[in-house]
């Protein structure tokens, strides 16, 4: 890796059209691929984390962005914040414009209050296809080549039946009328983590718009602090396993997005406390008052990202499409240098 940078860094700085023959090369974007499945904020946005002028105390990272529709010459993005939903379009030249309900959220940049569309024209989103080609404005990378499909043996089974879980119910909202004794996946997963609580020093539950992950755990040893970010999505079927790629797109996309919160201990602590202050991050185990001392012990933090999807199992062959995206995500998160492991929790 060092030799590669030594050979190519000068060329990269002098010639923007220089090709490294790796997945990082940007090429012209002729049309939007149907396989686009996720988007994320760019790095400058995470670093500056501009405030929402219309909602004091909240930031751009508290907004959830997802793919709404994919057309060959246009993307439609859904932005969600609390009970607000906005749809924004982006053309092939990377220009954003409001479609509907986008003017109810303003972002403060310097002395200006920008609409979401205007903000994204200044700080554009990054898009990913199912083989992790990355799209930035009007350019696209080559993506990962010759991906070996994910080995089904690596899927860690959870006995959801023993926790009396409805695997089609991710969580119960306050508005839900419960007419069953079955637990949601979130409720069952909390019991599961508590059953193994000796493995963790801290457990947080952070479900909601702008979440870091549904569950966050911390465990310190002599060499590092492992930060486990568990992302959860419900199954589309109670019985069908390894059959629906749609079941995994959102959850693996959330895994990729969450890498930004474990860049260092300062970012991690700030985000956890901010989420807790906004009544999102609930402390299940550990003392939040001691978190600063816990994280500032001159020990590096490293991540473990978990995609929890009960529709996946290690007892049945994975279709190629599902196997390839799981493998691509595993490669992507390990390339981040701050993540040591990617796990899949299934049934």
C-alpha atoms as a PDB file:
ATOM      1  CA  UNK A   1       0.000   0.000   0.000  1.00  0.00           C
ATOM      2  CA  UNK A   2       2.811   2.390   0.888  1.00  0.00           C
ATOM      3  CA  UNK A   3       4.598   1.572  -2.380  1.00  0.00           C
ATOM      4  CA  UNK A   4       1.405   2.163  -4.368  1.00  0.00           C
ATOM      5  CA  UNK A   5       0.945   5.633  -2.869  1.00  0.00           C
ATOM      6  CA  UNK A   6       4.622   6.442  -3.385  1.00  0.00           C
ATOM      7  CA  UNK A   7       4.369   5.590  -7.071  1.00  0.00           C
ATOM      8  CA  UNK A   8       1.013   7.164  -7.817  1.00  0.00           C
ATOM      9  CA  UNK A   9       0.433  10.070  -5.420  1.00  0.00           C
ATOM     10  CA  UNK A  10       2.345  12.562  -7.573  1.00  0.00           C
ATOM     11  CA  UNK A  11       0.474  11.477 -10.713  1.00  0.00           C
ATOM     12  CA  UNK A  12      -2.840  11.729  -8.898  1.00  0.00           C
ATOM     13  CA  UNK A  13      -2.096  15.259  -7.734  1.00  0.00           C
ATOM     14  CA  UNK A  14      -1.020  16.423 -11.206  1.00  0.00           C
ATOM     15  CA  UNK A  15      -3.449  14.648 -13.524  1.00  0.00           C
ATOM     16  CA  UNK A  16      -7.114  14.248 -12.597  1.00  0.00           C
ATOM     17  CA  UNK A  17      -7.580  11.861 -15.558  1.00  0.00           C
ATOM     18  CA  UNK A  18      -4.852   9.475 -14.388  1.00  0.00           C
ATOM     19  CA  UNK A  19      -6.264   5.978 -13.906  1.00  0.00           C
ATOM     20  CA  UNK A  20      -4.953   3.810 -11.081  1.00  0.00           C
ATOM     21  CA  UNK A  21      -6.674   0.687 -12.478  1.00  0.00           C
ATOM     22  CA  UNK A  22      -8.403   0.223  -9.121  1.00  0.00           C
ATOM     23  CA  UNK A  23     -11.997   0.555  -7.898  1.00  0.00           C
ATOM     24  CA  UNK A  24     -11.256   4.194  -6.988  1.00  0.00           C
ATOM     25  CA  UNK A  25     -10.978   5.514 -10.579  1.00  0.00           C
ATOM     26  CA  UNK A  26     -13.761   7.932 -11.567  1.00  0.00           C
ATOM     27  CA  UNK A  27     -15.224   7.640 -15.077  1.00  0.00           C
ATOM     28  CA  UNK A  28     -17.929   9.690 -16.891  1.00  0.00           C
ATOM     29  CA  UNK A  29     -21.493   8.752 -15.901  1.00  0.00           C
ATOM     30  CA  UNK A  30     -23.582   7.999 -19.040  1.00  0.00           C
ATOM     31  CA  UNK A  31     -26.774   7.168 -17.114  1.00  0.00           C
ATOM     32  CA  UNK A  32     -27.904   6.188 -13.642  1.00  0.00           C
ATOM     33  CA  UNK A  33     -27.621   2.415 -13.093  1.00  0.00           C
ATOM     34  CA  UNK A  34     -30.747   0.596 -11.902  1.00  0.00           C
ATOM     35  CA  UNK A  35     -28.612  -1.029  -9.201  1.00  0.00           C
ATOM     36  CA  UNK A  36     -28.209   2.187  -7.136  1.00  0.00           C
ATOM     37  CA  UNK A  37     -29.440   1.259  -3.682  1.00  0.00           C
ATOM     38  CA  UNK A  38     -28.066   3.785  -1.178  1.00  0.00           C
ATOM     39  CA  UNK A  39     -26.688   7.272  -0.692  1.00  0.00           C
ATOM     40  CA  UNK A  40     -24.675   8.948   2.024  1.00  0.00           C
ATOM     41  CA  UNK A  41     -23.444  12.389   2.964  1.00  0.00           C
ATOM     42  CA  UNK A  42     -19.986  13.325   1.742  1.00  0.00           C
ATOM     43  CA  UNK A  43     -17.041  13.655   4.099  1.00  0.00           C
ATOM     44  CA  UNK A  44     -17.099  17.468   4.222  1.00  0.00           C
ATOM     45  CA  UNK A  45     -20.700  17.331   5.406  1.00  0.00           C
ATOM     46  CA  UNK A  46     -19.804  14.992   8.267  1.00  0.00           C
ATOM     47  CA  UNK A  47     -16.863  17.183   9.235  1.00  0.00           C
ATOM     48  CA  UNK A  48     -18.810  20.464   9.246  1.00  0.00           C
ATOM     49  CA  UNK A  49     -22.183  19.019  10.301  1.00  0.00           C
ATOM     50  CA  UNK A  50     -24.131  22.189   9.569  1.00  0.00           C
ATOM     51  CA  UNK A  51     -27.091  23.032  11.790  1.00  0.00           C
ATOM     52  CA  UNK A  52     -30.735  23.087  10.741  1.00  0.00           C
ATOM     53  CA  UNK A  53     -31.752  26.733  11.051  1.00  0.00           C
ATOM     54  CA  UNK A  54     -35.414  25.775  11.124  1.00  0.00           C
ATOM     55  CA  UNK A  55     -34.836  23.269  13.968  1.00  0.00           C
ATOM     56  CA  UNK A  56     -32.341  24.577  16.568  1.00  0.00           C
ATOM     57  CA  UNK A  57     -30.157  21.909  18.136  1.00  0.00           C
ATOM     58  CA  UNK A  58     -30.364  19.588  15.134  1.00  0.00           C
ATOM     59  CA  UNK A  59     -27.841  19.047  12.343  1.00  0.00           C
ATOM     60  CA  UNK A  60     -27.755  17.887   8.735  1.00  0.00           C
ATOM     61  CA  UNK A  61     -26.636  14.431   9.963  1.00  0.00           C
ATOM     62  CA  UNK A  62     -29.950  14.099  11.815  1.00  0.00           C
ATOM     63  CA  UNK A  63     -31.678  13.847   8.429  1.00  0.00           C
ATOM     64  CA  UNK A  64     -32.062  10.428   6.822  1.00  0.00           C
ATOM     65  CA  UNK A  65     -31.459  10.264   3.051  1.00  0.00           C
ATOM     66  CA  UNK A  66     -32.529   7.272   0.947  1.00  0.00           C
ATOM     67  CA  UNK A  67     -33.178   6.329  -2.674  1.00  0.00           C
ATOM     68  CA  UNK A  68     -36.780   7.012  -3.702  1.00  0.00           C
ATOM     69  CA  UNK A  69     -36.761   6.331  -7.455  1.00  0.00           C
ATOM     70  CA  UNK A  70     -34.081   5.583 -10.053  1.00  0.00           C
ATOM     71  CA  UNK A  71     -34.503   6.785 -13.648  1.00  0.00           C
ATOM     72  CA  UNK A  72     -31.797   6.609 -16.310  1.00  0.00           C
ATOM     73  CA  UNK A  73     -31.419  10.406 -16.389  1.00  0.00           C
ATOM     74  CA  UNK A  74     -32.611  11.348 -12.912  1.00  0.00           C
ATOM     75  CA  UNK A  75     -32.556  10.170  -9.313  1.00  0.00           C
ATOM     76  CA  UNK A  76     -35.172  10.978  -6.716  1.00  0.00           C
ATOM     77  CA  UNK A  77     -34.014  11.159  -3.105  1.00  0.00           C
ATOM     78  CA  UNK A  78     -36.209  10.926  -0.024  1.00  0.00           C
ATOM     79  CA  UNK A  79     -35.123  13.096   2.908  1.00  0.00           C
ATOM     80  CA  UNK A  80     -36.760  12.330   6.279  1.00  0.00           C
ATOM     81  CA  UNK A  81     -36.563  14.266   9.511  1.00  0.00           C
ATOM     82  CA  UNK A  82     -38.935  13.600  12.388  1.00  0.00           C
ATOM     83  CA  UNK A  83     -42.367  13.624  10.685  1.00  0.00           C
ATOM     84  CA  UNK A  84     -41.203  15.617   7.660  1.00  0.00           C
ATOM     85  CA  UNK A  85     -40.563  14.074   4.254  1.00  0.00           C
ATOM     86  CA  UNK A  86     -39.028  15.802   1.245  1.00  0.00           C
ATOM     87  CA  UNK A  87     -38.298  14.549  -2.271  1.00  0.00           C
ATOM     88  CA  UNK A  88     -35.319  15.965  -4.150  1.00  0.00           C
ATOM     89  CA  UNK A  89     -34.201  15.165  -7.702  1.00  0.00           C
ATOM     90  CA  UNK A  90     -30.693  15.043  -9.142  1.00  0.00           C
ATOM     91  CA  UNK A  91     -29.924  15.073 -12.875  1.00  0.00           C
ATOM     92  CA  UNK A  92     -27.001  13.508 -14.738  1.00  0.00           C
ATOM     93  CA  UNK A  93     -24.917  16.652 -14.286  1.00  0.00           C
ATOM     94  CA  UNK A  94     -25.237  16.354 -10.514  1.00  0.00           C
ATOM     95  CA  UNK A  95     -27.640  19.276 -10.082  1.00  0.00           C
ATOM     96  CA  UNK A  96     -30.198  19.020  -7.266  1.00  0.00           C
ATOM     97  CA  UNK A  97     -33.698  20.525  -7.305  1.00  0.00           C
ATOM     98  CA  UNK A  98     -36.739  20.343  -5.041  1.00  0.00           C
ATOM     99  CA  UNK A  99     -39.692  18.250  -6.164  1.00  0.00           C
ATOM    100  CA  UNK A 100     -42.038  18.598  -3.215  1.00  0.00           C
ATOM    101  CA  UNK A 101     -42.102  19.578   0.454  1.00  0.00           C
ATOM    102  CA  UNK A 102     -38.378  20.346   0.445  1.00  0.00           C
ATOM    103  CA  UNK A 103     -38.621  23.954   1.593  1.00  0.00           C
ATOM    104  CA  UNK A 104     -39.689  23.110   5.153  1.00  0.00           C
ATOM    105  CA  UNK A 105     -36.111  22.291   6.171  1.00  0.00           C
ATOM    106  CA  UNK A 106     -33.390  24.935   6.040  1.00  0.00           C
ATOM    107  CA  UNK A 107     -29.680  24.359   6.601  1.00  0.00           C
ATOM    108  CA  UNK A 108     -27.481  27.141   7.947  1.00  0.00           C
ATOM    109  CA  UNK A 109     -24.229  27.635   6.026  1.00  0.00           C
ATOM    110  CA  UNK A 110     -22.255  30.736   7.025  1.00  0.00           C
ATOM    111  CA  UNK A 111     -24.882  33.503   7.006  1.00  0.00           C
ATOM    112  CA  UNK A 112     -27.243  31.756   4.595  1.00  0.00           C
ATOM    113  CA  UNK A 113     -30.269  29.535   5.220  1.00  0.00           C
ATOM    114  CA  UNK A 114     -30.304  27.045   2.349  1.00  0.00           C
ATOM    115  CA  UNK A 115     -33.033  24.679   1.201  1.00  0.00           C
ATOM    116  CA  UNK A 116     -32.009  21.023   1.157  1.00  0.00           C
ATOM    117  CA  UNK A 117     -31.645  21.101  -2.627  1.00  0.00           C
ATOM    118  CA  UNK A 118     -29.403  24.181  -2.514  1.00  0.00           C
ATOM    119  CA  UNK A 119     -27.391  22.646   0.309  1.00  0.00           C
ATOM    120  CA  UNK A 120     -26.829  19.423  -1.633  1.00  0.00           C
ATOM    121  CA  UNK A 121     -25.666  21.427  -4.641  1.00  0.00           C
ATOM    122  CA  UNK A 122     -22.895  22.718  -2.368  1.00  0.00           C
ATOM    123  CA  UNK A 123     -22.310  19.413  -0.547  1.00  0.00           C
ATOM    124  CA  UNK A 124     -23.472  16.626  -2.896  1.00  0.00           C
ATOM    125  CA  UNK A 125     -24.397  13.129  -1.790  1.00  0.00           C
ATOM    126  CA  UNK A 126     -22.406  10.000  -2.617  1.00  0.00           C
ATOM    127  CA  UNK A 127     -24.328   7.123  -4.238  1.00  0.00           C
ATOM    128  CA  UNK A 128     -23.548   3.402  -4.337  1.00  0.00           C
ATOM    129  CA  UNK A 129     -24.614   0.579  -6.639  1.00  0.00           C
ATOM    130  CA  UNK A 130     -25.040  -3.026  -5.483  1.00  0.00           C
ATOM    131  CA  UNK A 131     -21.441  -3.845  -6.505  1.00  0.00           C
ATOM    132  CA  UNK A 132     -20.339  -0.650  -4.724  1.00  0.00           C
ATOM    133  CA  UNK A 133     -19.600   1.504  -7.701  1.00  0.00           C
ATOM    134  CA  UNK A 134     -19.488   4.987  -6.216  1.00  0.00           C
ATOM    135  CA  UNK A 135     -21.196   7.931  -7.935  1.00  0.00           C
ATOM    136  CA  UNK A 136     -20.152  11.488  -7.182  1.00  0.00           C
ATOM    137  CA  UNK A 137     -21.983  14.158  -9.180  1.00  0.00           C
ATOM    138  CA  UNK A 138     -21.492  13.241 -12.875  1.00  0.00           C
ATOM    139  CA  UNK A 139     -18.800  10.574 -12.359  1.00  0.00           C
ATOM    140  CA  UNK A 140     -18.769   6.904 -11.354  1.00  0.00           C
ATOM    141  CA  UNK A 141     -16.019   4.576 -10.120  1.00  0.00           C
ATOM    142  CA  UNK A 142     -15.350   1.137 -11.574  1.00  0.00           C
ATOM    143  CA  UNK A 143     -16.458  -0.653  -8.397  1.00  0.00           C
ATOM    144  CA  UNK A 144     -15.058  -3.864  -6.970  1.00  0.00           C
ATOM    145  CA  UNK A 145     -13.998  -6.461  -9.527  1.00  0.00           C
ATOM    146  CA  UNK A 146     -13.906 -10.252  -9.249  1.00  0.00           C
ATOM    147  CA  UNK A 147     -15.795 -10.346  -5.952  1.00  0.00           C
ATOM    148  CA  UNK A 148     -15.914 -13.738  -4.246  1.00  0.00           C
ATOM    149  CA  UNK A 149     -19.472 -14.231  -2.925  1.00  0.00           C
ATOM    150  CA  UNK A 150     -19.944 -14.104   0.840  1.00  0.00           C
ATOM    151  CA  UNK A 151     -19.635 -17.523   2.514  1.00  0.00           C
ATOM    152  CA  UNK A 152     -22.989 -18.499   4.048  1.00  0.00           C
ATOM    153  CA  UNK A 153     -21.091 -20.200   6.896  1.00  0.00           C
ATOM    154  CA  UNK A 154     -20.208 -16.748   8.225  1.00  0.00           C
ATOM    155  CA  UNK A 155     -23.862 -15.896   8.908  1.00  0.00           C
ATOM    156  CA  UNK A 156     -24.363 -16.031  12.694  1.00  0.00           C
ATOM    157  CA  UNK A 157     -27.763 -17.535  13.588  1.00  0.00           C
ATOM    158  CA  UNK A 158     -30.010 -16.100  16.311  1.00  0.00           C
ATOM    159  CA  UNK A 159     -32.831 -18.246  17.632  1.00  0.00           C
ATOM    160  CA  UNK A 160     -35.599 -15.704  17.165  1.00  0.00           C
ATOM    161  CA  UNK A 161     -38.265 -18.246  18.106  1.00  0.00           C
ATOM    162  CA  UNK A 162     -36.791 -18.645  21.575  1.00  0.00           C
ATOM    163  CA  UNK A 163     -37.255 -14.896  22.042  1.00  0.00           C
ATOM    164  CA  UNK A 164     -40.834 -15.135  20.698  1.00  0.00           C
ATOM    165  CA  UNK A 165     -40.065 -12.712  17.862  1.00  0.00           C
ATOM    166  CA  UNK A 166     -42.122 -11.497  14.959  1.00  0.00           C
ATOM    167  CA  UNK A 167     -39.283 -11.191  12.444  1.00  0.00           C
ATOM    168  CA  UNK A 168     -41.479  -9.122  10.124  1.00  0.00           C
ATOM    169  CA  UNK A 169     -41.811  -6.391  12.765  1.00  0.00           C
ATOM    170  CA  UNK A 170     -38.657  -4.328  13.142  1.00  0.00           C
ATOM    171  CA  UNK A 171     -39.986  -2.213  16.028  1.00  0.00           C
ATOM    172  CA  UNK A 172     -43.196  -1.012  17.605  1.00  0.00           C
ATOM    173  CA  UNK A 173     -43.828   2.711  17.386  1.00  0.00           C
ATOM    174  CA  UNK A 174     -45.787   4.627  19.984  1.00  0.00           C
ATOM    175  CA  UNK A 175     -48.734   4.703  17.573  1.00  0.00           C
ATOM    176  CA  UNK A 176     -48.820   0.924  17.075  1.00  0.00           C
ATOM    177  CA  UNK A 177     -51.662  -1.020  18.665  1.00  0.00           C
ATOM    178  CA  UNK A 178     -50.145  -4.227  20.001  1.00  0.00           C
ATOM    179  CA  UNK A 179     -52.477  -7.181  19.649  1.00  0.00           C
ATOM    180  CA  UNK A 180     -49.824  -9.846  20.071  1.00  0.00           C
ATOM    181  CA  UNK A 181     -47.358 -11.053  22.676  1.00  0.00           C
ATOM    182  CA  UNK A 182     -44.664 -11.461  20.037  1.00  0.00           C
ATOM    183  CA  UNK A 183     -41.664  -9.159  20.349  1.00  0.00           C
ATOM    184  CA  UNK A 184     -40.308  -6.920  17.636  1.00  0.00           C
ATOM    185  CA  UNK A 185     -36.780  -7.607  16.378  1.00  0.00           C
ATOM    186  CA  UNK A 186     -35.487  -4.600  18.327  1.00  0.00           C
ATOM    187  CA  UNK A 187     -37.022  -5.875  21.578  1.00  0.00           C
ATOM    188  CA  UNK A 188     -35.700  -9.394  21.029  1.00  0.00           C
ATOM    189  CA  UNK A 189     -32.250  -8.095  20.125  1.00  0.00           C
ATOM    190  CA  UNK A 190     -32.073  -6.124  23.372  1.00  0.00           C
ATOM    191  CA  UNK A 191     -32.724  -9.357  25.297  1.00  0.00           C
ATOM    192  CA  UNK A 192     -30.118 -11.118  23.155  1.00  0.00           C
ATOM    193  CA  UNK A 193     -27.480  -8.479  23.900  1.00  0.00           C
ATOM    194  CA  UNK A 194     -28.351  -8.545  27.601  1.00  0.00           C
ATOM    195  CA  UNK A 195     -27.897 -12.324  27.598  1.00  0.00           C
ATOM    196  CA  UNK A 196     -24.311 -11.661  26.505  1.00  0.00           C
ATOM    197  CA  UNK A 197     -23.915  -8.458  28.510  1.00  0.00           C
ATOM    198  CA  UNK A 198     -20.663  -9.661  30.078  1.00  0.00           C
ATOM    199  CA  UNK A 199     -19.161  -9.168  26.592  1.00  0.00           C
ATOM    200  CA  UNK A 200     -19.898  -5.417  26.722  1.00  0.00           C
ATOM    201  CA  UNK A 201     -19.008  -2.447  28.903  1.00  0.00           C
ATOM    202  CA  UNK A 202     -21.663  -0.230  27.290  1.00  0.00           C
ATOM    203  CA  UNK A 203     -24.884  -0.913  25.389  1.00  0.00           C
ATOM    204  CA  UNK A 204     -26.879   1.896  23.742  1.00  0.00           C
ATOM    205  CA  UNK A 205     -30.175   1.737  21.855  1.00  0.00           C
ATOM    206  CA  UNK A 206     -30.295   4.499  19.245  1.00  0.00           C
ATOM    207  CA  UNK A 207     -33.267   4.022  16.943  1.00  0.00           C
ATOM    208  CA  UNK A 208     -34.626   7.046  15.112  1.00  0.00           C
ATOM    209  CA  UNK A 209     -33.911   9.584  12.371  1.00  0.00           C
ATOM    210  CA  UNK A 210     -30.164  10.185  12.057  1.00  0.00           C
ATOM    211  CA  UNK A 211     -29.257   7.139  14.172  1.00  0.00           C
ATOM    212  CA  UNK A 212     -25.705   5.853  14.472  1.00  0.00           C
ATOM    213  CA  UNK A 213     -27.019   2.286  14.581  1.00  0.00           C
ATOM    214  CA  UNK A 214     -29.942   0.553  16.243  1.00  0.00           C
ATOM    215  CA  UNK A 215     -27.627  -0.821  18.928  1.00  0.00           C
ATOM    216  CA  UNK A 216     -24.128   0.323  19.866  1.00  0.00           C
ATOM    217  CA  UNK A 217     -21.874  -1.687  22.168  1.00  0.00           C
ATOM    218  CA  UNK A 218     -18.415  -0.895  23.540  1.00  0.00           C
ATOM    219  CA  UNK A 219     -15.858  -3.330  24.912  1.00  0.00           C
ATOM    220  CA  UNK A 220     -12.331  -2.450  26.023  1.00  0.00           C
ATOM    221  CA  UNK A 221      -9.316  -4.753  26.151  1.00  0.00           C
ATOM    222  CA  UNK A 222      -5.602  -4.054  26.520  1.00  0.00           C
ATOM    223  CA  UNK A 223      -5.122  -3.206  22.846  1.00  0.00           C
ATOM    224  CA  UNK A 224      -8.283  -1.430  21.694  1.00  0.00           C
ATOM    225  CA  UNK A 225     -11.899  -0.455  22.294  1.00  0.00           C
ATOM    226  CA  UNK A 226     -14.222  -2.391  20.023  1.00  0.00           C
ATOM    227  CA  UNK A 227     -17.244  -0.373  18.898  1.00  0.00           C
ATOM    228  CA  UNK A 228     -19.964  -2.647  17.587  1.00  0.00           C
ATOM    229  CA  UNK A 229     -22.672  -1.002  15.490  1.00  0.00           C
ATOM    230  CA  UNK A 230     -25.682  -3.261  14.956  1.00  0.00           C
ATOM    231  CA  UNK A 231     -28.083  -2.326  12.162  1.00  0.00           C
ATOM    232  CA  UNK A 232     -31.434  -4.089  11.981  1.00  0.00           C
ATOM    233  CA  UNK A 233     -34.090  -4.615   9.316  1.00  0.00           C
ATOM    234  CA  UNK A 234     -37.180  -6.792   9.344  1.00  0.00           C
ATOM    235  CA  UNK A 235     -37.696  -9.791   7.069  1.00  0.00           C
ATOM    236  CA  UNK A 236     -40.152  -9.569   4.182  1.00  0.00           C
ATOM    237  CA  UNK A 237     -41.348 -13.124   4.895  1.00  0.00           C
ATOM    238  CA  UNK A 238     -41.735 -15.305   7.982  1.00  0.00           C
ATOM    239  CA  UNK A 239     -40.542 -18.432   6.184  1.00  0.00           C
ATOM    240  CA  UNK A 240     -38.610 -17.563   2.997  1.00  0.00           C
ATOM    241  CA  UNK A 241     -34.844 -17.404   3.535  1.00  0.00           C
ATOM    242  CA  UNK A 242     -32.017 -16.009   1.389  1.00  0.00           C
ATOM    243  CA  UNK A 243     -34.468 -15.098  -1.388  1.00  0.00           C
ATOM    244  CA  UNK A 244     -34.928 -11.317  -1.302  1.00  0.00           C
ATOM    245  CA  UNK A 245     -32.028  -8.966  -2.068  1.00  0.00           C
ATOM    246  CA  UNK A 246     -34.290  -6.091  -1.080  1.00  0.00           C
ATOM    247  CA  UNK A 247     -34.150  -7.352   2.505  1.00  0.00           C
ATOM    248  CA  UNK A 248     -30.461  -6.541   2.754  1.00  0.00           C
ATOM    249  CA  UNK A 249     -29.942  -3.368   0.709  1.00  0.00           C
ATOM    250  CA  UNK A 250     -31.032  -0.901   3.393  1.00  0.00           C
ATOM    251  CA  UNK A 251     -29.308  -2.634   6.303  1.00  0.00           C
ATOM    252  CA  UNK A 252     -25.921  -2.968   4.556  1.00  0.00           C
ATOM    253  CA  UNK A 253     -26.265   0.621   3.354  1.00  0.00           C
ATOM    254  CA  UNK A 254     -26.638   1.722   6.958  1.00  0.00           C
ATOM    255  CA  UNK A 255     -23.488  -0.215   7.820  1.00  0.00           C
ATOM    256  CA  UNK A 256     -21.497   1.744   5.246  1.00  0.00           C
ATOM    257  CA  UNK A 257     -22.914   5.087   6.404  1.00  0.00           C
ATOM    258  CA  UNK A 258     -22.087   4.437  10.057  1.00  0.00           C
ATOM    259  CA  UNK A 259     -18.344   4.148   9.438  1.00  0.00           C
ATOM    260  CA  UNK A 260     -18.137   7.930   9.815  1.00  0.00           C
ATOM    261  CA  UNK A 261     -19.065   7.765  13.525  1.00  0.00           C
ATOM    262  CA  UNK A 262     -16.086   5.594  14.479  1.00  0.00           C
ATOM    263  CA  UNK A 263     -13.290   7.585  12.877  1.00  0.00           C
ATOM    264  CA  UNK A 264     -11.995   8.485  16.350  1.00  0.00           C
ATOM    265  CA  UNK A 265     -13.081   8.557  19.987  1.00  0.00           C
ATOM    266  CA  UNK A 266     -13.932  12.289  19.930  1.00  0.00           C
ATOM    267  CA  UNK A 267     -16.438  11.883  17.078  1.00  0.00           C
ATOM    268  CA  UNK A 268     -17.913   8.779  18.700  1.00  0.00           C
ATOM    269  CA  UNK A 269     -18.379  10.355  22.131  1.00  0.00           C
ATOM    270  CA  UNK A 270     -19.827  13.561  20.706  1.00  0.00           C
ATOM    271  CA  UNK A 271     -22.344  11.666  18.587  1.00  0.00           C
ATOM    272  CA  UNK A 272     -23.482   9.343  21.404  1.00  0.00           C
ATOM    273  CA  UNK A 273     -23.975  12.224  23.832  1.00  0.00           C
ATOM    274  CA  UNK A 274     -25.727  14.327  21.198  1.00  0.00           C
ATOM    275  CA  UNK A 275     -28.130  11.487  20.430  1.00  0.00           C
ATOM    276  CA  UNK A 276     -28.755  10.932  24.134  1.00  0.00           C
ATOM    277  CA  UNK A 277     -29.433  14.645  24.674  1.00  0.00           C
ATOM    278  CA  UNK A 278     -32.040  14.498  21.907  1.00  0.00           C
ATOM    279  CA  UNK A 279     -33.705  11.549  23.672  1.00  0.00           C
ATOM    280  CA  UNK A 280     -32.640   9.016  21.053  1.00  0.00           C
ATOM    281  CA  UNK A 281     -29.652   7.067  22.417  1.00  0.00           C
ATOM    282  CA  UNK A 282     -30.936   5.161  25.454  1.00  0.00           C
ATOM    283  CA  UNK A 283     -28.331   3.769  27.837  1.00  0.00           C
ATOM    284  CA  UNK A 284     -28.984   0.050  28.362  1.00  0.00           C
ATOM    285  CA  UNK A 285     -25.712  -0.662  30.160  1.00  0.00           C
ATOM    286  CA  UNK A 286     -22.909   1.592  31.413  1.00  0.00           C
ATOM    287  CA  UNK A 287     -22.608   5.070  32.902  1.00  0.00           C
ATOM    288  CA  UNK A 288     -22.756   7.892  30.370  1.00  0.00           C
ATOM    289  CA  UNK A 289     -21.016  10.213  32.843  1.00  0.00           C
ATOM    290  CA  UNK A 290     -17.907   8.029  32.642  1.00  0.00           C
ATOM    291  CA  UNK A 291     -17.847   7.725  28.852  1.00  0.00           C
ATOM    292  CA  UNK A 292     -15.280  10.495  28.335  1.00  0.00           C
ATOM    293  CA  UNK A 293     -12.773   8.852  30.690  1.00  0.00           C
ATOM    294  CA  UNK A 294     -13.534   5.434  29.201  1.00  0.00           C
ATOM    295  CA  UNK A 295     -12.779   6.565  25.641  1.00  0.00           C
ATOM    296  CA  UNK A 296      -9.772   8.739  26.460  1.00  0.00           C
ATOM    297  CA  UNK A 297      -7.419   6.104  27.775  1.00  0.00           C
ATOM    298  CA  UNK A 298      -4.901   6.309  24.906  1.00  0.00           C
ATOM    299  CA  UNK A 299      -6.388   3.150  23.408  1.00  0.00           C
ATOM    300  CA  UNK A 300      -7.486   3.193  19.742  1.00  0.00           C
ATOM    301  CA  UNK A 301     -11.064   2.413  18.773  1.00  0.00           C
ATOM    302  CA  UNK A 302     -11.906  -0.097  16.064  1.00  0.00           C
ATOM    303  CA  UNK A 303     -15.279  -0.952  14.659  1.00  0.00           C
ATOM    304  CA  UNK A 304     -17.318  -4.062  14.104  1.00  0.00           C
ATOM    305  CA  UNK A 305     -20.296  -3.535  11.798  1.00  0.00           C
ATOM    306  CA  UNK A 306     -23.243  -5.902  12.044  1.00  0.00           C
ATOM    307  CA  UNK A 307     -26.053  -6.338   9.513  1.00  0.00           C
ATOM    308  CA  UNK A 308     -28.910  -8.054  11.350  1.00  0.00           C
ATOM    309  CA  UNK A 309     -31.465  -9.527   8.936  1.00  0.00           C
ATOM    310  CA  UNK A 310     -33.526 -12.545  10.074  1.00  0.00           C
ATOM    311  CA  UNK A 311     -34.326 -13.518   6.473  1.00  0.00           C
ATOM    312  CA  UNK A 312     -30.710 -14.680   6.045  1.00  0.00           C
ATOM    313  CA  UNK A 313     -29.548 -18.130   7.148  1.00  0.00           C
ATOM    314  CA  UNK A 314     -26.426 -20.277   6.935  1.00  0.00           C
ATOM    315  CA  UNK A 315     -28.482 -23.426   6.276  1.00  0.00           C
ATOM    316  CA  UNK A 316     -29.348 -22.500   2.680  1.00  0.00           C
ATOM    317  CA  UNK A 317     -27.258 -21.403  -0.295  1.00  0.00           C
ATOM    318  CA  UNK A 318     -26.999 -17.660  -0.869  1.00  0.00           C
ATOM    319  CA  UNK A 319     -28.070 -16.405  -4.319  1.00  0.00           C
ATOM    320  CA  UNK A 320     -25.174 -14.850  -6.209  1.00  0.00           C
ATOM    321  CA  UNK A 321     -26.617 -11.322  -6.020  1.00  0.00           C
ATOM    322  CA  UNK A 322     -26.939 -11.433  -2.211  1.00  0.00           C
ATOM    323  CA  UNK A 323     -23.568 -13.136  -1.796  1.00  0.00           C
ATOM    324  CA  UNK A 324     -21.809 -10.545  -3.918  1.00  0.00           C
ATOM    325  CA  UNK A 325     -23.254  -7.500  -2.175  1.00  0.00           C
ATOM    326  CA  UNK A 326     -22.441  -8.906   1.284  1.00  0.00           C
ATOM    327  CA  UNK A 327     -18.891  -9.593   0.115  1.00  0.00           C
ATOM    328  CA  UNK A 328     -18.580  -6.130  -1.461  1.00  0.00           C
ATOM    329  CA  UNK A 329     -19.748  -4.477   1.768  1.00  0.00           C
ATOM    330  CA  UNK A 330     -17.289  -6.555   3.790  1.00  0.00           C
ATOM    331  CA  UNK A 331     -14.484  -5.387   1.492  1.00  0.00           C
ATOM    332  CA  UNK A 332     -15.669  -1.779   1.650  1.00  0.00           C
ATOM    333  CA  UNK A 333     -15.853  -1.540   5.438  1.00  0.00           C
ATOM    334  CA  UNK A 334     -12.463  -3.197   5.911  1.00  0.00           C
ATOM    335  CA  UNK A 335     -10.942  -0.756   3.407  1.00  0.00           C
ATOM    336  CA  UNK A 336     -11.979   2.029   5.788  1.00  0.00           C
ATOM    337  CA  UNK A 337      -9.058   1.093   8.092  1.00  0.00           C
ATOM    338  CA  UNK A 338     -11.170   1.791  11.207  1.00  0.00           C
ATOM    339  CA  UNK A 339     -13.314  -1.351  10.946  1.00  0.00           C
ATOM    340  CA  UNK A 340     -11.859  -4.728  11.867  1.00  0.00           C
ATOM    341  CA  UNK A 341     -14.885  -6.897  11.171  1.00  0.00           C
ATOM    342  CA  UNK A 342     -18.197  -7.147   9.337  1.00  0.00           C
ATOM    343  CA  UNK A 343     -20.737  -9.668  10.583  1.00  0.00           C
ATOM    344  CA  UNK A 344     -24.140 -10.843   9.411  1.00  0.00           C
ATOM    345  CA  UNK A 345     -26.664 -11.947  12.045  1.00  0.00           C
ATOM    346  CA  UNK A 346     -29.496 -14.024  10.664  1.00  0.00           C
ATOM    347  CA  UNK A 347     -31.665 -16.960  11.624  1.00  0.00           C
END
